[in-house]
C-alpha atoms as a PDB file:
ATOM      1  CA  MET A   1     -31.239  53.214 -85.471  1.00  0.00           C
ATOM      2  CA  LEU A   2     -31.662  51.409 -82.318  1.00  0.00           C
ATOM      3  CA  TYR A   3     -35.871  52.142 -82.609  1.00  0.00           C
ATOM      4  CA  ASN A   4     -36.436  50.988 -86.471  1.00  0.00           C
ATOM      5  CA  ILE A   5     -34.380  47.738 -85.981  1.00  0.00           C
ATOM      6  CA  PHE A   6     -36.530  47.352 -82.251  1.00  0.00           C
ATOM      7  CA  PHE A   7     -39.196  48.496 -81.836  1.00  0.00           C
ATOM      8  CA  GLY A   8     -41.909  46.399 -81.476  1.00  0.00           C
ATOM      9  CA  LYS A   9     -39.827  43.997 -80.981  1.00  0.00           C
ATOM     10  CA  VAL A  10     -37.810  43.889 -77.774  1.00  0.00           C
ATOM     11  CA  THR A  11     -39.242  44.474 -74.292  1.00  0.00           C
ATOM     12  CA  LEU A  12     -37.101  44.659 -70.680  1.00  0.00           C
ATOM     13  CA  SER A  13     -38.280  42.245 -67.669  1.00  0.00           C
ATOM     14  CA  ILE A  14     -36.533  42.681 -64.438  1.00  0.00           C
ATOM     15  CA  ILE A  15     -37.182  39.458 -62.374  1.00  0.00           C
ATOM     16  CA  LYS A  16     -37.206  41.123 -59.269  1.00  0.00           C
ATOM     17  CA  PRO A  17     -35.827  40.777 -55.343  1.00  0.00           C
ATOM     18  CA  ASP A  18     -38.650  38.707 -54.289  1.00  0.00           C
ATOM     19  CA  ALA A  19     -38.662  36.640 -56.539  1.00  0.00           C
ATOM     20  CA  VAL A  20     -34.727  36.216 -56.340  1.00  0.00           C
ATOM     21  CA  LYS A  21     -35.444  35.369 -52.649  1.00  0.00           C
ATOM     22  CA  ASN A  22     -38.193  33.367 -52.795  1.00  0.00           C
ATOM     23  CA  ARG A  23     -36.047  30.867 -55.738  1.00  0.00           C
ATOM     24  CA  TYR A  24     -38.698  31.538 -58.659  1.00  0.00           C
ATOM     25  CA  VAL A  25     -36.294  32.406 -61.606  1.00  0.00           C
ATOM     26  CA  LEU A  26     -36.209  29.486 -63.344  1.00  0.00           C
ATOM     27  CA  HIS A  27     -39.452  28.641 -63.182  1.00  0.00           C
ATOM     28  CA  ILE A  28     -40.526  32.028 -64.328  1.00  0.00           C
ATOM     29  CA  ILE A  29     -37.643  31.837 -67.199  1.00  0.00           C
ATOM     30  CA  ARG A  30     -39.374  28.377 -68.437  1.00  0.00           C
ATOM     31  CA  LYS A  31     -42.475  30.118 -68.364  1.00  0.00           C
ATOM     32  CA  ILE A  32     -40.486  33.447 -70.329  1.00  0.00           C
ATOM     33  CA  ILE A  33     -38.946  30.751 -72.536  1.00  0.00           C
ATOM     34  CA  ASN A  34     -42.153  28.441 -73.633  1.00  0.00           C
ATOM     35  CA  GLU A  35     -43.869  31.322 -74.606  1.00  0.00           C
ATOM     36  CA  LYS A  36     -41.145  32.077 -77.336  1.00  0.00           C
ATOM     37  CA  PHE A  37     -39.508  35.409 -76.436  1.00  0.00           C
ATOM     38  CA  LYS A  38     -35.687  34.644 -76.864  1.00  0.00           C
ATOM     39  CA  ILE A  39     -33.550  36.342 -74.086  1.00  0.00           C
ATOM     40  CA  ILE A  40     -31.057  38.225 -75.931  1.00  0.00           C
ATOM     41  CA  GLU A  41     -29.365  40.018 -72.913  1.00  0.00           C
ATOM     42  CA  LEU A  42     -28.821  38.422 -68.841  1.00  0.00           C
ATOM     43  CA  LYS A  43     -27.205  39.828 -65.741  1.00  0.00           C
ATOM     44  CA  ILE A  44     -27.961  39.563 -61.926  1.00  0.00           C
ATOM     45  CA  ILE A  45     -26.764  42.694 -59.900  1.00  0.00           C
ATOM     46  CA  LYS A  46     -28.389  44.509 -56.989  1.00  0.00           C
ATOM     47  CA  ILE A  47     -28.964  48.215 -57.696  1.00  0.00           C
ATOM     48  CA  SER A  48     -28.636  51.098 -55.196  1.00  0.00           C
ATOM     49  CA  LYS A  49     -31.548  53.199 -54.270  1.00  0.00           C
ATOM     50  CA  LYS A  50     -30.669  55.647 -56.507  1.00  0.00           C
ATOM     51  CA  LEU A  51     -29.873  53.687 -59.476  1.00  0.00           C
ATOM     52  CA  ALA A  52     -34.058  52.460 -58.743  1.00  0.00           C
ATOM     53  CA  SER A  53     -34.662  55.891 -58.307  1.00  0.00           C
ATOM     54  CA  LYS A  54     -33.638  56.916 -61.773  1.00  0.00           C
ATOM     55  CA  PHE A  55     -34.839  53.977 -63.343  1.00  0.00           C
ATOM     56  CA  TYR A  56     -38.783  54.685 -61.625  1.00  0.00           C
ATOM     57  CA  LYS A  57     -38.702  58.567 -62.387  1.00  0.00           C
ATOM     58  CA  LYS A  58     -41.584  58.320 -63.997  1.00  0.00           C
ATOM     59  CA  HIS A  59     -43.238  57.058 -61.027  1.00  0.00           C
ATOM     60  CA  SER A  60     -41.617  60.066 -58.169  1.00  0.00           C
ATOM     61  CA  ASP A  61     -44.852  62.096 -57.772  1.00  0.00           C
ATOM     62  CA  LYS A  62     -46.315  58.787 -56.827  1.00  0.00           C
ATOM     63  CA  TYR A  63     -47.018  57.380 -53.479  1.00  0.00           C
ATOM     64  CA  TYR A  64     -45.283  54.143 -53.652  1.00  0.00           C
ATOM     65  CA  PHE A  65     -42.512  55.943 -55.044  1.00  0.00           C
ATOM     66  CA  ASN A  66     -39.985  55.240 -52.169  1.00  0.00           C
ATOM     67  CA  GLU A  67     -41.695  52.189 -50.958  1.00  0.00           C
ATOM     68  CA  LEU A  68     -40.967  50.653 -54.802  1.00  0.00           C
ATOM     69  CA  THR A  69     -37.747  52.478 -54.875  1.00  0.00           C
ATOM     70  CA  ASN A  70     -36.804  50.667 -51.747  1.00  0.00           C
ATOM     71  CA  PHE A  71     -38.188  46.855 -52.609  1.00  0.00           C
ATOM     72  CA  MET A  72     -36.041  47.213 -56.018  1.00  0.00           C
ATOM     73  CA  SER A  73     -33.034  47.224 -54.259  1.00  0.00           C
ATOM     74  CA  SER A  74     -33.427  45.302 -51.467  1.00  0.00           C
ATOM     75  CA  GLY A  75     -31.536  42.233 -53.185  1.00  0.00           C
ATOM     76  CA  PHE A  76     -30.959  41.071 -56.516  1.00  0.00           C
ATOM     77  CA  ILE A  77     -32.308  41.683 -59.682  1.00  0.00           C
ATOM     78  CA  ILE A  78     -32.191  40.429 -62.729  1.00  0.00           C
ATOM     79  CA  PRO A  79     -33.094  42.218 -65.994  1.00  0.00           C
ATOM     80  CA  MET A  80     -33.954  40.601 -69.639  1.00  0.00           C
ATOM     81  CA  ILE A  81     -33.782  42.109 -72.554  1.00  0.00           C
ATOM     82  CA  LEU A  82     -36.347  39.254 -73.903  1.00  0.00           C
ATOM     83  CA  LYS A  83     -36.935  39.236 -77.763  1.00  0.00           C
ATOM     84  CA  LYS A  84     -40.308  38.475 -80.181  1.00  0.00           C
ATOM     85  CA  ASN A  85     -42.591  40.236 -82.587  1.00  0.00           C
ATOM     86  CA  ASN A  86     -45.060  42.039 -80.227  1.00  0.00           C
ATOM     87  CA  ALA A  87     -42.332  41.758 -77.290  1.00  0.00           C
ATOM     88  CA  VAL A  88     -44.072  44.220 -74.997  1.00  0.00           C
ATOM     89  CA  LYS A  89     -47.633  42.837 -75.859  1.00  0.00           C
ATOM     90  CA  ASP A  90     -47.567  39.239 -75.684  1.00  0.00           C
ATOM     91  CA  PHE A  91     -45.123  39.918 -72.277  1.00  0.00           C
ATOM     92  CA  ARG A  92     -47.678  41.715 -70.323  1.00  0.00           C
ATOM     93  CA  LYS A  93     -50.186  39.187 -71.234  1.00  0.00           C
ATOM     94  CA  LEU A  94     -47.592  36.760 -69.934  1.00  0.00           C
ATOM     95  CA  ILE A  95     -47.051  38.524 -66.028  1.00  0.00           C
ATOM     96  CA  GLY A  96     -50.881  39.164 -65.950  1.00  0.00           C
ATOM     97  CA  ASN A  97     -51.830  42.332 -63.698  1.00  0.00           C
ATOM     98  CA  THR A  98     -50.097  43.698 -60.919  1.00  0.00           C
ATOM     99  CA  ASN A  99     -52.392  42.766 -58.231  1.00  0.00           C
ATOM    100  CA  PRO A 100     -51.419  38.912 -58.368  1.00  0.00           C
ATOM    101  CA  ASN A 101     -55.162  38.649 -56.345  1.00  0.00           C
ATOM    102  CA  ILE A 102     -57.066  39.797 -59.591  1.00  0.00           C
ATOM    103  CA  ALA A 103     -53.723  38.569 -62.174  1.00  0.00           C
ATOM    104  CA  LYS A 104     -55.129  35.714 -64.422  1.00  0.00           C
ATOM    105  CA  LYS A 105     -54.446  32.440 -63.394  1.00  0.00           C
ATOM    106  CA  GLY A 106     -51.121  30.713 -64.543  1.00  0.00           C
ATOM    107  CA  THR A 107     -49.936  34.134 -65.213  1.00  0.00           C
ATOM    108  CA  ILE A 108     -46.174  34.794 -63.661  1.00  0.00           C
ATOM    109  CA  ARG A 109     -47.358  37.558 -61.388  1.00  0.00           C
ATOM    110  CA  SER A 110     -50.412  35.094 -60.065  1.00  0.00           C
ATOM    111  CA  LEU A 111     -48.224  31.720 -59.676  1.00  0.00           C
ATOM    112  CA  TYR A 112     -45.169  33.521 -58.194  1.00  0.00           C
ATOM    113  CA  ALA A 113     -46.454  37.515 -56.762  1.00  0.00           C
ATOM    114  CA  THR A 114     -47.153  37.959 -52.924  1.00  0.00           C
ATOM    115  CA  SER A 115     -48.686  40.742 -53.041  1.00  0.00           C
ATOM    116  CA  ILE A 116     -49.116  44.315 -55.496  1.00  0.00           C
ATOM    117  CA  GLU A 117     -46.127  45.700 -54.300  1.00  0.00           C
ATOM    118  CA  GLU A 118     -44.078  42.652 -54.044  1.00  0.00           C
ATOM    119  CA  ASN A 119     -45.162  41.411 -57.794  1.00  0.00           C
ATOM    120  CA  ALA A 120     -42.117  39.513 -58.897  1.00  0.00           C
ATOM    121  CA  ILE A 121     -41.428  40.719 -62.309  1.00  0.00           C
ATOM    122  CA  HIS A 122     -41.553  44.011 -64.252  1.00  0.00           C
ATOM    123  CA  GLY A 123     -41.951  44.300 -67.867  1.00  0.00           C
ATOM    124  CA  SER A 124     -41.689  47.616 -70.065  1.00  0.00           C
ATOM    125  CA  ASP A 125     -45.765  49.045 -70.259  1.00  0.00           C
ATOM    126  CA  SER A 126     -45.035  50.891 -73.933  1.00  0.00           C
ATOM    127  CA  ASN A 127     -42.569  50.284 -77.071  1.00  0.00           C
ATOM    128  CA  ASN A 128     -40.551  53.204 -76.178  1.00  0.00           C
ATOM    129  CA  ASN A 129     -40.415  52.489 -72.533  1.00  0.00           C
ATOM    130  CA  ALA A 130     -38.640  48.966 -74.114  1.00  0.00           C
ATOM    131  CA  ILE A 131     -36.148  50.679 -75.730  1.00  0.00           C
ATOM    132  CA  LYS A 132     -34.824  53.281 -73.556  1.00  0.00           C
ATOM    133  CA  GLU A 133     -35.195  50.716 -70.566  1.00  0.00           C
ATOM    134  CA  CYS A 134     -33.079  47.978 -71.855  1.00  0.00           C
ATOM    135  CA  ILE A 135     -30.419  50.641 -72.976  1.00  0.00           C
ATOM    136  CA  PHE A 136     -31.056  51.757 -69.049  1.00  0.00           C
ATOM    137  CA  PHE A 137     -30.277  48.418 -67.849  1.00  0.00           C
ATOM    138  CA  PHE A 138     -27.395  47.666 -71.087  1.00  0.00           C
ATOM    139  CA  PRO A 139     -26.318  50.748 -71.942  1.00  0.00           C
ATOM    140  CA  THR A 140     -22.495  49.354 -73.322  1.00  0.00           C
ATOM    141  CA  GLU A 141     -24.335  45.805 -74.679  1.00  0.00           C
ATOM    142  CA  ASN A 142     -23.887  45.587 -78.405  1.00  0.00           C
ATOM    143  CA  PHE A 143     -27.608  43.609 -78.569  1.00  0.00           C
ATOM    144  CA  LEU A 144     -28.206  44.698 -82.147  1.00  0.00           C
ATOM    145  CA  LYS A 145     -26.676  41.829 -83.180  1.00  0.00           C
ATOM    146  CA  LYS A 146     -28.306  38.996 -81.642  1.00  0.00           C
END
């Protein structure tokens, strides 16, 4: 049921520890809102390396997995469920390339990321993953009614 209602209409965003530490949170949220995304869930949390490893499990065979999970558990993060038609596609466009040096000018990563590793923000990469990621961070939340 959840898939049918929200498929293509939600994405998960995470403002990463580097952006929180550098005080870019409000700048990033302003850009998100200006692009007509509705924030339907948001929380400020610090996750363990174990939880970061579980979230990024699909990258566990990559050379950067350990560094990624260390980074994501190094400080506060802000996961958010964003709602908009074509949410995943539009949000990926808004955040830009993982590499801030080649990210399109004006994207969140071009403005606030410092490196490929510390790239300020996460966005779901597909509609299927968006639903799974939203449930991962908001498993007991009732965002169905929002």
